[in-house]
Amino acid sequence: MPLTKRELVIAVSQQTGITQVEVKRVVQQTLLYVIESLKAGKTIELRNFGVFKVRQRAPRRGRNPKTGQEVPVPSKRVVAFKPGLLMRLHIK
């Protein structure tokens, strides 16, 4: 079961004593800033957590699963995440 943004907000609110409304606003603004930064081509490095960066995926040949026919798949930008040291140590 995935952790939802709401569950994250509730947990942070309970642990910090800050209202859920305030925590939600900070979490939402943080996520929006991450998105805008990635969109602008910036790399986001959160020490000990990980690094987010946008990579260009090369064009390739795909296959239509229904017909088996080859189809061209254009290049596209994708977000990549590389976990940091602290995360790697805790999620072994």
N, C-alpha and C. Protein backbone atom coordinates (compact mmCIF):
# COMPACT_ATOMS: atom_id res chain seq x y z
N MET A 1 0.85 -1.19 0.00
CA MET A 1 0.00 0.00 0.00
C MET A 1 0.89 1.24 0.00
N PRO A 2 0.73 2.13 -0.98
CA PRO A 2 1.58 3.31 -1.05
C PRO A 2 1.25 4.33 0.04
N LEU A 3 2.26 5.11 0.41
CA LEU A 3 2.07 6.21 1.34
C LEU A 3 1.51 7.39 0.54
N THR A 4 0.39 7.92 0.96
CA THR A 4 -0.21 9.04 0.25
C THR A 4 0.28 10.36 0.83
N LYS A 5 0.07 11.43 0.07
CA LYS A 5 0.45 12.75 0.54
C LYS A 5 -0.30 13.08 1.83
N ARG A 6 -1.55 12.68 1.89
CA ARG A 6 -2.35 12.94 3.10
C ARG A 6 -1.76 12.24 4.31
N GLU A 7 -1.36 10.98 4.15
CA GLU A 7 -0.76 10.25 5.26
C GLU A 7 0.57 10.89 5.69
N LEU A 8 1.33 11.37 4.72
CA LEU A 8 2.57 12.06 5.02
C LEU A 8 2.30 13.33 5.83
N VAL A 9 1.31 14.09 5.41
CA VAL A 9 0.95 15.33 6.09
C VAL A 9 0.52 15.04 7.52
N ILE A 10 -0.30 14.02 7.71
CA ILE A 10 -0.78 13.66 9.06
C ILE A 10 0.40 13.27 9.94
N ALA A 11 1.31 12.44 9.42
CA ALA A 11 2.45 11.98 10.22
C ALA A 11 3.35 13.15 10.62
N VAL A 12 3.66 14.04 9.68
CA VAL A 12 4.51 15.18 9.98
C VAL A 12 3.82 16.10 10.98
N SER A 13 2.53 16.30 10.80
CA SER A 13 1.76 17.14 11.71
C SER A 13 1.81 16.59 13.14
N GLN A 14 1.62 15.29 13.27
CA GLN A 14 1.63 14.66 14.60
C GLN A 14 3.01 14.73 15.24
N GLN A 15 4.06 14.56 14.45
CA GLN A 15 5.41 14.55 14.99
C GLN A 15 5.95 15.94 15.31
N THR A 16 5.44 16.95 14.63
CA THR A 16 5.96 18.31 14.84
C THR A 16 5.05 19.22 15.64
N GLY A 17 3.76 18.87 15.71
CA GLY A 17 2.82 19.74 16.39
C GLY A 17 2.33 20.88 15.51
N ILE A 18 2.73 20.91 14.26
CA ILE A 18 2.27 21.92 13.31
C ILE A 18 0.95 21.44 12.72
N THR A 19 0.04 22.36 12.48
CA THR A 19 -1.27 21.97 11.98
C THR A 19 -1.16 21.28 10.62
N GLN A 20 -2.12 20.42 10.34
CA GLN A 20 -2.15 19.71 9.06
C GLN A 20 -2.26 20.69 7.90
N VAL A 21 -2.99 21.76 8.08
CA VAL A 21 -3.16 22.75 7.01
C VAL A 21 -1.81 23.36 6.65
N GLU A 22 -1.02 23.73 7.66
CA GLU A 22 0.29 24.32 7.41
C GLU A 22 1.25 23.30 6.78
N VAL A 23 1.26 22.08 7.31
CA VAL A 23 2.13 21.04 6.76
C VAL A 23 1.76 20.77 5.31
N LYS A 24 0.46 20.69 5.02
CA LYS A 24 0.02 20.42 3.65
C LYS A 24 0.49 21.52 2.71
N ARG A 25 0.41 22.77 3.16
CA ARG A 25 0.84 23.89 2.32
C ARG A 25 2.34 23.81 2.04
N VAL A 26 3.13 23.48 3.05
CA VAL A 26 4.59 23.37 2.87
C VAL A 26 4.93 22.19 1.96
N VAL A 27 4.29 21.05 2.18
CA VAL A 27 4.56 19.87 1.35
C VAL A 27 4.18 20.17 -0.10
N GLN A 28 3.02 20.77 -0.33
CA GLN A 28 2.57 21.07 -1.69
C GLN A 28 3.51 22.05 -2.38
N GLN A 29 3.93 23.09 -1.68
CA GLN A 29 4.85 24.06 -2.27
C GLN A 29 6.21 23.43 -2.57
N THR A 30 6.66 22.53 -1.69
CA THR A 30 7.92 21.83 -1.93
C THR A 30 7.83 20.99 -3.19
N LEU A 31 6.76 20.24 -3.34
CA LEU A 31 6.59 19.40 -4.51
C LEU A 31 6.48 20.23 -5.79
N LEU A 32 5.77 21.34 -5.72
CA LEU A 32 5.65 22.21 -6.90
C LEU A 32 7.01 22.80 -7.27
N TYR A 33 7.82 23.16 -6.28
CA TYR A 33 9.14 23.71 -6.56
C TYR A 33 10.04 22.65 -7.19
N VAL A 34 9.94 21.42 -6.71
CA VAL A 34 10.72 20.32 -7.29
C VAL A 34 10.34 20.15 -8.76
N ILE A 35 9.05 20.12 -9.05
CA ILE A 35 8.57 19.96 -10.42
C ILE A 35 9.07 21.09 -11.31
N GLU A 36 8.93 22.33 -10.85
CA GLU A 36 9.36 23.48 -11.66
C GLU A 36 10.87 23.47 -11.88
N SER A 37 11.62 23.07 -10.87
CA SER A 37 13.08 23.01 -11.00
C SER A 37 13.50 21.95 -12.01
N LEU A 38 12.86 20.78 -11.95
CA LEU A 38 13.16 19.72 -12.91
C LEU A 38 12.78 20.15 -14.32
N LYS A 39 11.64 20.81 -14.43
CA LYS A 39 11.18 21.29 -15.73
C LYS A 39 12.19 22.27 -16.33
N ALA A 40 12.85 23.06 -15.47
CA ALA A 40 13.84 24.03 -15.93
C ALA A 40 15.20 23.39 -16.18
N GLY A 41 15.29 22.07 -15.99
CA GLY A 41 16.53 21.37 -16.26
C GLY A 41 17.50 21.30 -15.10
N LYS A 42 17.06 21.71 -13.92
CA LYS A 42 17.95 21.67 -12.75
C LYS A 42 17.98 20.27 -12.15
N THR A 43 19.10 19.95 -11.51
CA THR A 43 19.23 18.72 -10.74
C THR A 43 18.92 19.06 -9.29
N ILE A 44 18.17 18.20 -8.61
CA ILE A 44 17.83 18.44 -7.21
C ILE A 44 18.55 17.41 -6.36
N GLU A 45 19.45 17.91 -5.52
CA GLU A 45 20.24 17.03 -4.67
C GLU A 45 19.84 17.27 -3.22
N LEU A 46 19.26 16.25 -2.61
CA LEU A 46 18.88 16.31 -1.20
C LEU A 46 19.85 15.39 -0.46
N ARG A 47 20.83 15.97 0.20
CA ARG A 47 21.91 15.21 0.84
C ARG A 47 21.35 14.06 1.68
N ASN A 48 21.95 12.90 1.52
CA ASN A 48 21.61 11.67 2.21
C ASN A 48 20.25 11.09 1.83
N PHE A 49 19.47 11.83 1.06
CA PHE A 49 18.18 11.31 0.60
C PHE A 49 18.31 10.81 -0.83
N GLY A 50 18.72 11.69 -1.73
CA GLY A 50 18.89 11.27 -3.12
C GLY A 50 18.95 12.44 -4.07
N VAL A 51 19.11 12.10 -5.35
CA VAL A 51 19.24 13.10 -6.40
C VAL A 51 18.18 12.84 -7.47
N PHE A 52 17.44 13.90 -7.82
CA PHE A 52 16.47 13.86 -8.92
C PHE A 52 17.10 14.60 -10.09
N LYS A 53 17.00 14.03 -11.28
CA LYS A 53 17.45 14.75 -12.46
C LYS A 53 16.64 14.30 -13.66
N VAL A 54 16.60 15.17 -14.66
CA VAL A 54 15.88 14.87 -15.89
C VAL A 54 16.90 14.32 -16.90
N ARG A 55 16.55 13.21 -17.50
CA ARG A 55 17.40 12.59 -18.52
C ARG A 55 16.62 12.54 -19.83
N GLN A 56 17.37 12.58 -20.91
CA GLN A 56 16.76 12.45 -22.23
C GLN A 56 16.81 10.98 -22.62
N ARG A 57 15.68 10.38 -22.85
CA ARG A 57 15.62 8.99 -23.31
C ARG A 57 15.68 9.00 -24.83
N ALA A 58 16.55 8.18 -25.39
CA ALA A 58 16.76 8.14 -26.84
C ALA A 58 15.53 7.54 -27.55
N PRO A 59 15.33 7.93 -28.81
CA PRO A 59 14.24 7.31 -29.58
C PRO A 59 14.57 5.82 -29.79
N ARG A 60 13.52 5.04 -29.95
CA ARG A 60 13.73 3.59 -30.11
C ARG A 60 12.58 2.99 -30.89
N ARG A 61 12.71 1.73 -31.16
CA ARG A 61 11.64 0.97 -31.82
C ARG A 61 10.87 0.22 -30.75
N GLY A 62 9.55 0.39 -30.76
CA GLY A 62 8.69 -0.35 -29.84
C GLY A 62 7.83 -1.32 -30.63
N ARG A 63 6.98 -1.99 -29.92
CA ARG A 63 6.11 -2.96 -30.59
C ARG A 63 4.69 -2.82 -30.03
N ASN A 64 3.73 -2.74 -30.93
CA ASN A 64 2.33 -2.70 -30.53
C ASN A 64 1.96 -4.09 -30.00
N PRO A 65 1.57 -4.21 -28.71
CA PRO A 65 1.30 -5.54 -28.15
C PRO A 65 0.11 -6.25 -28.78
N LYS A 66 -0.83 -5.49 -29.34
CA LYS A 66 -2.01 -6.13 -29.95
C LYS A 66 -1.70 -6.69 -31.33
N THR A 67 -0.95 -5.91 -32.11
CA THR A 67 -0.71 -6.32 -33.50
C THR A 67 0.68 -6.90 -33.74
N GLY A 68 1.59 -6.62 -32.82
CA GLY A 68 2.96 -7.07 -33.00
C GLY A 68 3.76 -6.21 -33.95
N GLN A 69 3.12 -5.19 -34.51
CA GLN A 69 3.77 -4.31 -35.48
C GLN A 69 4.77 -3.38 -34.77
N GLU A 70 5.95 -3.18 -35.38
CA GLU A 70 6.93 -2.25 -34.83
C GLU A 70 6.43 -0.82 -35.02
N VAL A 71 6.66 0.00 -34.01
CA VAL A 71 6.28 1.41 -34.08
C VAL A 71 7.44 2.24 -33.53
N PRO A 72 7.66 3.43 -34.09
CA PRO A 72 8.72 4.28 -33.56
C PRO A 72 8.27 4.93 -32.24
N VAL A 73 9.15 4.93 -31.26
CA VAL A 73 8.89 5.62 -30.00
C VAL A 73 9.84 6.81 -29.96
N PRO A 74 9.30 8.04 -29.92
CA PRO A 74 10.16 9.22 -29.97
C PRO A 74 10.97 9.39 -28.67
N SER A 75 12.01 10.22 -28.76
CA SER A 75 12.78 10.53 -27.56
C SER A 75 11.89 11.33 -26.61
N LYS A 76 12.21 11.25 -25.34
CA LYS A 76 11.44 12.02 -24.36
C LYS A 76 12.28 12.25 -23.12
N ARG A 77 11.87 13.23 -22.35
CA ARG A 77 12.54 13.53 -21.08
C ARG A 77 11.87 12.76 -19.97
N VAL A 78 12.67 12.14 -19.12
CA VAL A 78 12.14 11.38 -17.98
C VAL A 78 12.88 11.78 -16.72
N VAL A 79 12.21 11.66 -15.58
CA VAL A 79 12.82 11.97 -14.30
C VAL A 79 13.48 10.70 -13.76
N ALA A 80 14.73 10.84 -13.35
CA ALA A 80 15.47 9.73 -12.76
C ALA A 80 15.77 10.07 -11.30
N PHE A 81 15.78 9.06 -10.45
CA PHE A 81 16.09 9.25 -9.03
C PHE A 81 17.18 8.28 -8.64
N LYS A 82 18.20 8.81 -7.98
CA LYS A 82 19.28 7.97 -7.46
C LYS A 82 19.28 8.15 -5.94
N PRO A 83 19.03 7.07 -5.19
CA PRO A 83 18.96 7.20 -3.73
C PRO A 83 20.31 7.59 -3.13
N GLY A 84 20.26 8.38 -2.05
CA GLY A 84 21.46 8.80 -1.35
C GLY A 84 21.92 7.74 -0.36
N LEU A 85 23.03 8.01 0.28
CA LEU A 85 23.67 7.06 1.18
C LEU A 85 22.75 6.65 2.33
N LEU A 86 22.15 7.60 3.01
CA LEU A 86 21.29 7.29 4.15
C LEU A 86 20.12 6.41 3.74
N MET A 87 19.52 6.71 2.59
CA MET A 87 18.41 5.88 2.11
C MET A 87 18.89 4.47 1.78
N ARG A 88 20.02 4.38 1.10
CA ARG A 88 20.54 3.05 0.74
C ARG A 88 20.84 2.22 1.99
N LEU A 89 21.35 2.86 3.03
CA LEU A 89 21.67 2.12 4.26
C LEU A 89 20.43 1.64 5.00
N HIS A 90 19.36 2.42 4.94
CA HIS A 90 18.13 2.07 5.66
C HIS A 90 17.20 1.13 4.90
N ILE A 91 17.38 1.01 3.59
CA ILE A 91 16.44 0.21 2.80
C ILE A 91 17.13 -1.04 2.25
N LYS A 92 18.11 -1.53 2.89
CA LYS A 92 18.79 -2.75 2.42
C LYS A 92 17.84 -3.91 2.34
